[in-house]
N, C-alpha and C. Protein backbone atom coordinates (compact mmCIF):
# COMPACT_ATOMS: atom_id res chain seq x y z
N MET A 1 148.41 -34.18 158.20
CA MET A 1 149.58 -33.55 157.63
C MET A 1 149.27 -33.04 156.22
N PHE A 2 148.68 -33.90 155.40
CA PHE A 2 148.33 -33.49 154.03
C PHE A 2 147.36 -32.32 154.04
N LYS A 3 146.37 -32.41 154.93
CA LYS A 3 145.36 -31.37 155.03
C LYS A 3 146.01 -30.04 155.44
N ALA A 4 146.95 -30.08 156.35
CA ALA A 4 147.63 -28.86 156.80
C ALA A 4 148.44 -28.24 155.66
N ARG A 5 149.12 -29.10 154.88
CA ARG A 5 149.90 -28.59 153.74
C ARG A 5 148.98 -27.99 152.68
N LEU A 6 147.85 -28.63 152.45
CA LEU A 6 146.89 -28.12 151.49
C LEU A 6 146.37 -26.76 151.91
N ILE A 7 146.04 -26.63 153.18
CA ILE A 7 145.55 -25.34 153.70
C ILE A 7 146.65 -24.28 153.57
N MET A 8 147.88 -24.65 153.89
CA MET A 8 149.00 -23.71 153.79
C MET A 8 149.23 -23.29 152.33
N THR A 9 149.18 -24.23 151.41
CA THR A 9 149.37 -23.93 149.99
C THR A 9 148.27 -23.00 149.49
N VAL A 10 147.04 -23.29 149.84
CA VAL A 10 145.92 -22.43 149.43
C VAL A 10 146.08 -21.04 150.03
N ALA A 11 146.50 -20.95 151.27
CA ALA A 11 146.69 -19.65 151.92
C ALA A 11 147.78 -18.85 151.22
N VAL A 12 148.90 -19.49 150.90
CA VAL A 12 149.99 -18.79 150.21
C VAL A 12 149.53 -18.33 148.82
N MET A 13 148.83 -19.19 148.10
CA MET A 13 148.33 -18.81 146.76
C MET A 13 147.36 -17.65 146.85
N THR A 14 146.50 -17.67 147.85
CA THR A 14 145.53 -16.60 148.03
C THR A 14 146.24 -15.28 148.29
N LEU A 15 147.25 -15.30 149.14
CA LEU A 15 148.01 -14.07 149.42
C LEU A 15 148.74 -13.58 148.19
N THR A 16 149.33 -14.49 147.44
CA THR A 16 150.07 -14.12 146.23
C THR A 16 149.13 -13.54 145.18
N VAL A 17 148.04 -14.23 144.90
CA VAL A 17 147.07 -13.76 143.91
C VAL A 17 146.42 -12.47 144.40
N GLY A 18 146.08 -12.41 145.67
CA GLY A 18 145.47 -11.21 146.23
C GLY A 18 146.38 -10.02 146.10
N GLY A 19 147.67 -10.20 146.36
CA GLY A 19 148.63 -9.11 146.22
C GLY A 19 148.74 -8.62 144.80
N SER A 20 148.78 -9.54 143.84
CA SER A 20 148.87 -9.11 142.45
C SER A 20 147.57 -8.50 141.98
N LEU A 21 146.43 -8.95 142.51
CA LEU A 21 145.16 -8.31 142.16
C LEU A 21 145.11 -6.89 142.68
N ALA A 22 145.63 -6.67 143.87
CA ALA A 22 145.65 -5.32 144.43
C ALA A 22 146.49 -4.40 143.56
N GLN A 23 147.59 -4.93 143.02
CA GLN A 23 148.43 -4.10 142.15
C GLN A 23 147.72 -3.78 140.86
N THR A 24 147.01 -4.74 140.27
CA THR A 24 146.34 -4.48 138.99
C THR A 24 145.11 -3.61 139.18
N GLN A 25 144.57 -3.53 140.40
CA GLN A 25 143.42 -2.68 140.65
C GLN A 25 143.84 -1.23 140.88
N GLN A 26 145.12 -0.93 140.82
CA GLN A 26 145.63 0.42 141.01
C GLN A 26 146.34 0.88 139.73
N PRO A 27 145.60 1.06 138.65
CA PRO A 27 146.23 1.35 137.36
C PRO A 27 146.95 2.69 137.30
N TYR A 28 146.66 3.60 138.21
CA TYR A 28 147.29 4.92 138.17
C TYR A 28 148.44 5.07 139.14
N ALA A 29 148.71 4.02 139.93
CA ALA A 29 149.80 4.09 140.90
C ALA A 29 151.10 4.42 140.17
N GLY A 30 151.82 5.39 140.67
CA GLY A 30 153.08 5.81 140.07
C GLY A 30 152.93 7.00 139.15
N LEU A 31 151.74 7.21 138.61
CA LEU A 31 151.53 8.33 137.68
C LEU A 31 151.49 9.68 138.40
N GLN A 32 151.28 9.66 139.70
CA GLN A 32 151.19 10.90 140.46
C GLN A 32 152.50 11.68 140.46
N SER A 33 153.60 11.04 140.08
CA SER A 33 154.89 11.73 140.04
C SER A 33 155.17 12.38 138.69
N ARG A 34 154.27 12.20 137.72
CA ARG A 34 154.49 12.83 136.41
C ARG A 34 154.35 14.35 136.54
N PRO A 35 155.14 15.09 135.76
CA PRO A 35 155.05 16.56 135.83
C PRO A 35 153.63 17.07 135.49
N ILE A 36 153.04 16.51 134.45
CA ILE A 36 151.66 16.82 134.08
C ILE A 36 150.94 15.48 134.14
N LYS A 37 150.10 15.32 135.11
CA LYS A 37 149.51 14.01 135.40
C LYS A 37 148.79 13.38 134.22
N ALA A 38 148.14 14.19 133.39
CA ALA A 38 147.34 13.67 132.29
C ALA A 38 148.16 13.30 131.05
N LEU A 39 149.45 13.62 131.04
CA LEU A 39 150.28 13.37 129.85
C LEU A 39 151.50 12.53 130.20
N SER A 40 151.69 11.44 129.46
CA SER A 40 152.88 10.60 129.65
C SER A 40 154.09 11.26 128.99
N ASP A 41 155.26 10.76 129.31
CA ASP A 41 156.48 11.27 128.67
C ASP A 41 156.39 11.12 127.15
N ARG A 42 155.85 10.00 126.71
CA ARG A 42 155.71 9.76 125.27
C ARG A 42 154.76 10.78 124.63
N GLU A 43 153.63 11.03 125.30
CA GLU A 43 152.68 12.01 124.77
C GLU A 43 153.30 13.41 124.72
N LEU A 44 154.04 13.77 125.75
CA LEU A 44 154.72 15.07 125.75
C LEU A 44 155.69 15.16 124.58
N ALA A 45 156.49 14.12 124.38
CA ALA A 45 157.46 14.11 123.27
C ALA A 45 156.74 14.19 121.92
N ASP A 46 155.65 13.45 121.77
CA ASP A 46 154.90 13.46 120.51
C ASP A 46 154.29 14.83 120.25
N LEU A 47 153.73 15.45 121.27
CA LEU A 47 153.16 16.78 121.11
C LEU A 47 154.23 17.80 120.76
N ARG A 48 155.36 17.72 121.42
CA ARG A 48 156.46 18.67 121.14
C ARG A 48 157.10 18.41 119.78
N GLY A 49 157.01 17.18 119.29
CA GLY A 49 157.59 16.83 118.00
C GLY A 49 156.64 16.94 116.83
N GLY A 50 155.38 17.30 117.09
CA GLY A 50 154.41 17.45 116.02
C GLY A 50 153.96 16.13 115.40
N ARG A 51 154.14 15.03 116.13
CA ARG A 51 153.77 13.73 115.60
C ARG A 51 152.26 13.50 115.69
N GLY A 52 151.76 12.60 114.85
CA GLY A 52 150.33 12.39 114.69
C GLY A 52 149.62 11.67 115.82
N MET A 53 150.30 10.79 116.54
CA MET A 53 149.73 10.08 117.68
C MET A 53 148.42 9.36 117.35
N GLY A 54 148.27 8.94 116.10
CA GLY A 54 147.06 8.23 115.71
C GLY A 54 145.86 9.13 115.45
N LEU A 55 146.06 10.43 115.48
CA LEU A 55 144.93 11.35 115.28
C LEU A 55 144.36 11.31 113.86
N ALA A 56 145.14 10.83 112.92
CA ALA A 56 144.68 10.83 111.53
C ALA A 56 144.29 9.44 111.05
N LEU A 57 144.00 8.53 111.95
CA LEU A 57 143.65 7.17 111.54
C LEU A 57 142.40 7.13 110.67
N ALA A 58 141.45 8.00 110.91
CA ALA A 58 140.24 8.01 110.08
C ALA A 58 140.61 8.25 108.62
N ALA A 59 141.58 9.10 108.37
CA ALA A 59 142.04 9.36 107.01
C ALA A 59 142.94 8.22 106.52
N GLU A 60 143.96 7.94 107.29
CA GLU A 60 144.98 6.95 106.91
C GLU A 60 144.36 5.61 106.54
N LEU A 61 143.46 5.12 107.35
CA LEU A 61 142.92 3.78 107.13
C LEU A 61 141.75 3.75 106.15
N ASN A 62 141.38 4.91 105.65
CA ASN A 62 140.33 4.99 104.62
C ASN A 62 140.87 5.48 103.29
N GLY A 63 142.18 5.32 103.09
CA GLY A 63 142.76 5.58 101.78
C GLY A 63 143.27 6.98 101.54
N TYR A 64 143.51 7.76 102.60
CA TYR A 64 144.05 9.11 102.48
C TYR A 64 145.45 9.12 103.09
N PRO A 65 146.48 8.98 102.27
CA PRO A 65 147.85 8.94 102.80
C PRO A 65 148.24 10.25 103.48
N GLY A 66 149.18 10.14 104.40
CA GLY A 66 149.72 11.31 105.08
C GLY A 66 151.09 11.67 104.57
N PRO A 67 151.46 12.93 104.69
CA PRO A 67 152.75 13.39 104.14
C PRO A 67 153.97 12.67 104.71
N VAL A 68 153.99 12.39 105.98
CA VAL A 68 155.17 11.77 106.59
C VAL A 68 155.45 10.41 105.97
N HIS A 69 154.42 9.58 105.89
CA HIS A 69 154.62 8.23 105.35
C HIS A 69 154.83 8.25 103.84
N VAL A 70 154.25 9.20 103.16
CA VAL A 70 154.51 9.33 101.72
C VAL A 70 155.98 9.66 101.49
N ILE A 71 156.52 10.56 102.30
CA ILE A 71 157.95 10.90 102.18
C ILE A 71 158.80 9.68 102.47
N GLU A 72 158.43 8.91 103.48
CA GLU A 72 159.18 7.69 103.81
C GLU A 72 159.16 6.69 102.65
N LEU A 73 158.07 6.69 101.90
CA LEU A 73 157.91 5.74 100.80
C LEU A 73 158.13 6.39 99.43
N ALA A 74 158.78 7.52 99.40
CA ALA A 74 158.93 8.30 98.17
C ALA A 74 159.49 7.48 97.01
N ASP A 75 160.54 6.71 97.24
CA ASP A 75 161.14 5.92 96.15
C ASP A 75 160.18 4.85 95.66
N ALA A 76 159.58 4.12 96.59
CA ALA A 76 158.66 3.04 96.22
C ALA A 76 157.41 3.57 95.51
N LEU A 77 157.05 4.82 95.81
CA LEU A 77 155.89 5.43 95.15
C LEU A 77 156.27 6.15 93.85
N ALA A 78 157.57 6.18 93.56
CA ALA A 78 158.10 6.85 92.37
C ALA A 78 157.62 8.31 92.30
N LEU A 79 157.79 9.01 93.42
CA LEU A 79 157.41 10.42 93.44
C LEU A 79 158.32 11.21 92.51
N THR A 80 157.74 12.16 91.83
CA THR A 80 158.54 13.06 90.99
C THR A 80 159.21 14.08 91.91
N ALA A 81 160.15 14.82 91.35
CA ALA A 81 160.84 15.85 92.13
C ALA A 81 159.83 16.89 92.62
N GLU A 82 158.87 17.22 91.78
CA GLU A 82 157.84 18.19 92.17
C GLU A 82 156.99 17.63 93.33
N GLN A 83 156.61 16.38 93.23
CA GLN A 83 155.82 15.76 94.29
C GLN A 83 156.61 15.70 95.60
N ARG A 84 157.88 15.36 95.50
CA ARG A 84 158.71 15.31 96.70
C ARG A 84 158.77 16.69 97.37
N GLY A 85 158.94 17.71 96.57
CA GLY A 85 158.99 19.07 97.11
C GLY A 85 157.68 19.47 97.76
N ARG A 86 156.58 19.14 97.10
CA ARG A 86 155.27 19.47 97.66
C ARG A 86 155.01 18.69 98.95
N MET A 87 155.40 17.42 98.97
CA MET A 87 155.20 16.62 100.17
C MET A 87 156.05 17.15 101.32
N GLN A 88 157.27 17.53 101.02
CA GLN A 88 158.15 18.09 102.05
C GLN A 88 157.55 19.37 102.61
N HIS A 89 157.02 20.21 101.73
CA HIS A 89 156.38 21.45 102.17
C HIS A 89 155.16 21.15 103.06
N LEU A 90 154.33 20.20 102.63
CA LEU A 90 153.16 19.82 103.43
C LEU A 90 153.60 19.32 104.81
N HIS A 91 154.61 18.47 104.82
CA HIS A 91 155.09 17.93 106.09
C HIS A 91 155.61 19.03 107.01
N GLU A 92 156.42 19.92 106.48
CA GLU A 92 156.99 20.99 107.31
C GLU A 92 155.91 21.92 107.84
N THR A 93 154.94 22.25 107.00
CA THR A 93 153.86 23.13 107.42
C THR A 93 152.99 22.44 108.48
N MET A 94 152.65 21.18 108.23
CA MET A 94 151.85 20.42 109.20
C MET A 94 152.58 20.32 110.54
N LYS A 95 153.86 20.01 110.49
CA LYS A 95 154.64 19.85 111.70
C LYS A 95 154.69 21.15 112.49
N ALA A 96 154.90 22.26 111.81
CA ALA A 96 154.94 23.56 112.50
C ALA A 96 153.61 23.85 113.19
N GLU A 97 152.51 23.62 112.49
CA GLU A 97 151.19 23.83 113.07
C GLU A 97 150.97 22.90 114.25
N ALA A 98 151.32 21.64 114.08
CA ALA A 98 151.08 20.64 115.13
C ALA A 98 151.94 20.92 116.36
N ILE A 99 153.17 21.35 116.17
CA ILE A 99 154.03 21.67 117.32
C ILE A 99 153.46 22.84 118.10
N ALA A 100 153.03 23.88 117.40
CA ALA A 100 152.45 25.05 118.09
C ALA A 100 151.22 24.63 118.89
N LEU A 101 150.36 23.83 118.28
CA LEU A 101 149.17 23.35 118.99
C LEU A 101 149.53 22.42 120.13
N GLY A 102 150.55 21.58 119.93
CA GLY A 102 151.01 20.68 120.98
C GLY A 102 151.54 21.44 122.18
N GLU A 103 152.30 22.48 121.93
CA GLU A 103 152.82 23.31 123.02
C GLU A 103 151.68 23.99 123.77
N ARG A 104 150.68 24.48 123.01
CA ARG A 104 149.53 25.10 123.65
C ARG A 104 148.79 24.08 124.53
N LEU A 105 148.61 22.87 124.01
CA LEU A 105 147.93 21.82 124.76
C LEU A 105 148.70 21.46 126.03
N ILE A 106 150.00 21.37 125.94
CA ILE A 106 150.83 21.07 127.11
C ILE A 106 150.66 22.16 128.17
N GLU A 107 150.69 23.42 127.75
CA GLU A 107 150.49 24.53 128.69
C GLU A 107 149.12 24.45 129.35
N GLN A 108 148.10 24.15 128.56
CA GLN A 108 146.75 24.08 129.10
C GLN A 108 146.60 22.91 130.08
N GLU A 109 147.17 21.77 129.74
CA GLU A 109 147.11 20.62 130.64
C GLU A 109 147.91 20.91 131.92
N ALA A 110 149.05 21.59 131.78
CA ALA A 110 149.86 21.94 132.95
C ALA A 110 149.09 22.89 133.86
N ASP A 111 148.37 23.84 133.27
CA ASP A 111 147.58 24.78 134.05
C ASP A 111 146.47 24.05 134.81
N LEU A 112 145.77 23.14 134.13
CA LEU A 112 144.72 22.37 134.78
C LEU A 112 145.31 21.54 135.92
N ASP A 113 146.43 20.89 135.66
CA ASP A 113 147.10 20.09 136.68
C ASP A 113 147.47 20.96 137.89
N ARG A 114 148.00 22.14 137.62
CA ARG A 114 148.41 23.07 138.68
C ARG A 114 147.20 23.51 139.52
N GLN A 115 146.07 23.75 138.84
CA GLN A 115 144.85 24.15 139.56
C GLN A 115 144.42 23.06 140.55
N PHE A 116 144.51 21.80 140.10
CA PHE A 116 144.17 20.71 141.01
C PHE A 116 145.21 20.58 142.12
N ALA A 117 146.49 20.67 141.76
CA ALA A 117 147.57 20.48 142.74
C ALA A 117 147.53 21.55 143.82
N THR A 118 147.18 22.77 143.47
CA THR A 118 147.14 23.86 144.44
C THR A 118 145.77 24.01 145.11
N ARG A 119 144.86 23.13 144.72
CA ARG A 119 143.51 23.13 145.28
C ARG A 119 142.77 24.45 145.03
N THR A 120 143.06 25.07 143.88
CA THR A 120 142.39 26.33 143.51
C THR A 120 141.33 26.11 142.43
N ILE A 121 141.13 24.87 142.05
CA ILE A 121 140.15 24.55 141.00
C ILE A 121 138.73 24.82 141.52
N THR A 122 137.91 25.36 140.66
CA THR A 122 136.49 25.57 140.95
C THR A 122 135.72 25.05 139.75
N PRO A 123 134.43 24.85 139.87
CA PRO A 123 133.65 24.41 138.70
C PRO A 123 133.77 25.36 137.51
N VAL A 124 133.81 26.64 137.75
CA VAL A 124 133.93 27.62 136.65
C VAL A 124 135.30 27.50 135.97
N ILE A 125 136.36 27.41 136.78
CA ILE A 125 137.72 27.25 136.23
C ILE A 125 137.83 25.93 135.47
N LEU A 126 137.26 24.89 136.05
CA LEU A 126 137.28 23.57 135.42
C LEU A 126 136.60 23.60 134.05
N ASP A 127 135.41 24.17 133.98
CA ASP A 127 134.68 24.24 132.71
C ASP A 127 135.46 25.02 131.66
N ALA A 128 136.03 26.15 132.06
CA ALA A 128 136.79 26.97 131.11
C ALA A 128 138.05 26.23 130.64
N ALA A 129 138.75 25.61 131.58
CA ALA A 129 140.00 24.91 131.24
C ALA A 129 139.74 23.73 130.31
N THR A 130 138.74 22.92 130.63
CA THR A 130 138.48 21.74 129.79
C THR A 130 137.92 22.14 128.43
N THR A 131 137.20 23.25 128.37
CA THR A 131 136.73 23.74 127.07
C THR A 131 137.91 24.16 126.21
N ARG A 132 138.87 24.88 126.79
CA ARG A 132 140.06 25.30 126.03
C ARG A 132 140.87 24.07 125.59
N ILE A 133 141.05 23.11 126.48
CA ILE A 133 141.79 21.89 126.15
C ILE A 133 141.09 21.14 125.03
N GLY A 134 139.78 21.02 125.11
CA GLY A 134 139.01 20.34 124.07
C GLY A 134 139.14 21.03 122.72
N GLN A 135 139.10 22.35 122.72
CA GLN A 135 139.25 23.10 121.47
C GLN A 135 140.63 22.89 120.87
N THR A 136 141.64 22.91 121.70
CA THR A 136 143.01 22.70 121.21
C THR A 136 143.18 21.29 120.67
N LYS A 137 142.64 20.30 121.37
CA LYS A 137 142.71 18.92 120.88
C LYS A 137 141.99 18.79 119.54
N ALA A 138 140.85 19.44 119.39
CA ALA A 138 140.11 19.38 118.13
C ALA A 138 140.91 20.04 117.01
N GLU A 139 141.56 21.16 117.29
CA GLU A 139 142.40 21.83 116.28
C GLU A 139 143.57 20.95 115.87
N LEU A 140 144.18 20.30 116.84
CA LEU A 140 145.30 19.41 116.55
C LEU A 140 144.86 18.23 115.70
N TRP A 141 143.75 17.66 116.03
CA TRP A 141 143.17 16.54 115.28
C TRP A 141 142.87 16.97 113.85
N ALA A 142 142.20 18.11 113.70
CA ALA A 142 141.86 18.61 112.36
C ALA A 142 143.12 18.92 111.55
N THR A 143 144.14 19.42 112.21
CA THR A 143 145.39 19.73 111.51
C THR A 143 145.96 18.47 110.86
N HIS A 144 146.08 17.41 111.63
CA HIS A 144 146.63 16.18 111.07
C HIS A 144 145.75 15.64 109.94
N LEU A 145 144.45 15.66 110.12
CA LEU A 145 143.54 15.16 109.07
C LEU A 145 143.59 16.03 107.81
N ARG A 146 143.68 17.33 107.99
CA ARG A 146 143.70 18.26 106.85
C ARG A 146 144.88 17.97 105.92
N TYR A 147 146.01 17.59 106.48
CA TYR A 147 147.18 17.34 105.64
C TYR A 147 147.08 15.99 104.91
N HIS A 148 146.29 15.09 105.41
CA HIS A 148 146.00 13.87 104.65
C HIS A 148 145.15 14.23 103.43
N LEU A 149 144.20 15.15 103.61
CA LEU A 149 143.41 15.61 102.46
C LEU A 149 144.30 16.30 101.43
N ALA A 150 145.20 17.15 101.91
CA ALA A 150 146.09 17.88 101.00
C ALA A 150 147.01 16.92 100.25
N THR A 151 147.41 15.84 100.88
CA THR A 151 148.28 14.85 100.23
C THR A 151 147.59 14.24 99.01
N MET A 152 146.29 14.06 99.10
CA MET A 152 145.53 13.47 97.98
C MET A 152 145.62 14.33 96.72
N GLU A 153 145.83 15.63 96.90
CA GLU A 153 145.95 16.54 95.76
C GLU A 153 147.30 16.41 95.05
N VAL A 154 148.25 15.77 95.70
CA VAL A 154 149.61 15.65 95.16
C VAL A 154 149.83 14.31 94.46
N LEU A 155 149.18 13.26 94.95
CA LEU A 155 149.43 11.92 94.44
C LEU A 155 148.48 11.53 93.31
N THR A 156 148.93 10.63 92.48
CA THR A 156 148.07 10.05 91.44
C THR A 156 147.26 8.91 92.05
N PRO A 157 146.19 8.50 91.40
CA PRO A 157 145.43 7.35 91.92
C PRO A 157 146.30 6.09 92.07
N ASP A 158 147.21 5.87 91.12
CA ASP A 158 148.09 4.70 91.22
C ASP A 158 149.01 4.79 92.43
N GLN A 159 149.50 5.98 92.72
CA GLN A 159 150.36 6.15 93.89
C GLN A 159 149.58 5.93 95.19
N VAL A 160 148.34 6.38 95.21
CA VAL A 160 147.50 6.15 96.40
C VAL A 160 147.27 4.66 96.59
N ARG A 161 146.99 3.97 95.49
CA ARG A 161 146.78 2.52 95.54
C ARG A 161 148.05 1.83 96.03
N ARG A 162 149.19 2.23 95.48
CA ARG A 162 150.47 1.63 95.86
C ARG A 162 150.79 1.91 97.33
N TYR A 163 150.51 3.10 97.78
CA TYR A 163 150.72 3.47 99.18
C TYR A 163 149.96 2.51 100.09
N SER A 164 148.69 2.28 99.77
CA SER A 164 147.87 1.37 100.59
C SER A 164 148.46 -0.04 100.62
N GLU A 165 148.99 -0.47 99.48
CA GLU A 165 149.64 -1.79 99.42
C GLU A 165 150.89 -1.81 100.30
N LEU A 166 151.73 -0.78 100.15
CA LEU A 166 152.99 -0.73 100.90
C LEU A 166 152.76 -0.64 102.40
N ARG A 167 151.69 0.00 102.80
CA ARG A 167 151.37 0.14 104.22
C ARG A 167 150.62 -1.06 104.77
N GLY A 168 150.27 -2.01 103.86
CA GLY A 168 149.63 -3.24 104.28
C GLY A 168 148.12 -3.13 104.45
N TYR A 169 147.52 -2.12 103.85
CA TYR A 169 146.08 -1.92 104.00
C TYR A 169 145.27 -2.67 102.93
N THR A 170 145.88 -2.89 101.77
CA THR A 170 145.19 -3.57 100.68
C THR A 170 146.15 -4.51 99.99
N SER A 171 145.58 -5.43 99.21
CA SER A 171 146.43 -6.27 98.37
C SER A 171 146.51 -5.61 97.00
N GLY A 172 147.37 -6.08 96.16
CA GLY A 172 147.53 -5.52 94.82
C GLY A 172 146.28 -5.60 93.97
N ALA A 173 145.38 -6.52 94.26
CA ALA A 173 144.18 -6.71 93.45
C ALA A 173 143.11 -5.68 93.74
N GLN A 174 143.17 -5.06 94.92
CA GLN A 174 142.15 -4.09 95.28
C GLN A 174 142.54 -2.72 94.77
N GLY A 175 141.56 -1.96 94.38
CA GLY A 175 141.83 -0.60 93.92
C GLY A 175 141.62 0.40 95.03
N ALA A 176 142.29 1.52 94.92
CA ALA A 176 142.07 2.60 95.87
C ALA A 176 140.74 3.25 95.54
N PRO A 177 139.99 3.63 96.55
CA PRO A 177 138.71 4.28 96.29
C PRO A 177 138.92 5.63 95.63
N HIS A 178 137.94 6.04 94.84
CA HIS A 178 138.01 7.36 94.21
C HIS A 178 137.64 8.40 95.25
N HIS A 179 138.45 9.43 95.35
CA HIS A 179 138.17 10.50 96.31
C HIS A 179 137.94 11.79 95.55
N PRO A 180 136.81 12.44 95.78
CA PRO A 180 136.55 13.72 95.12
C PRO A 180 137.70 14.69 95.38
N GLY A 181 138.07 15.39 94.37
CA GLY A 181 139.14 16.37 94.51
C GLY A 181 140.53 15.80 94.31
N MET A 182 140.64 14.48 94.17
CA MET A 182 141.96 13.87 94.01
C MET A 182 142.50 14.21 92.63
N HIS A 183 143.75 14.58 92.62
CA HIS A 183 144.42 14.95 91.38
C HIS A 183 144.61 13.71 90.51
N HIS A 184 144.19 13.77 89.27
CA HIS A 184 144.34 12.64 88.35
C HIS A 184 145.37 12.99 87.28
N ARG A 185 146.29 12.09 87.05
CA ARG A 185 147.32 12.32 86.02
C ARG A 185 147.25 11.23 84.99
């Protein structure tokens, strides 16, 4: 009796674990219903909204603040009226550029998706499409990074240091690194 129960318990556990393993081995299940298979709803919204999506982490985490977060921290950074205006201009310009590139990327991804869905994809079409997508992604990436560079021209070294503290990247005892071209006041 005990042996039979043990075998039954092991069998049930095996089926349960096996079923959940089968589910975890299918990481793309359900994604086939997305309008553009390669882009999530969140990615589509971020691209359409001109958001950074982590593209500027190389700048952000190495002491180059971005316009959006500087604007969010304007009071704590004691931005002057001139600095606020310049940051707002940088943000609006960056956002406009990023939205245009995001829309282009969405169109390119939709075209690639359509080529696969209609079974009209060929190696030549694939190479051309992925090259265009790669170029657009690179432009979008550079756009976000470029505005982090431009932000450095607006802030003082103390504001850059304070920004890093407020964002949790450094403690008050550490100094912000010197960046060539940074505006000093």
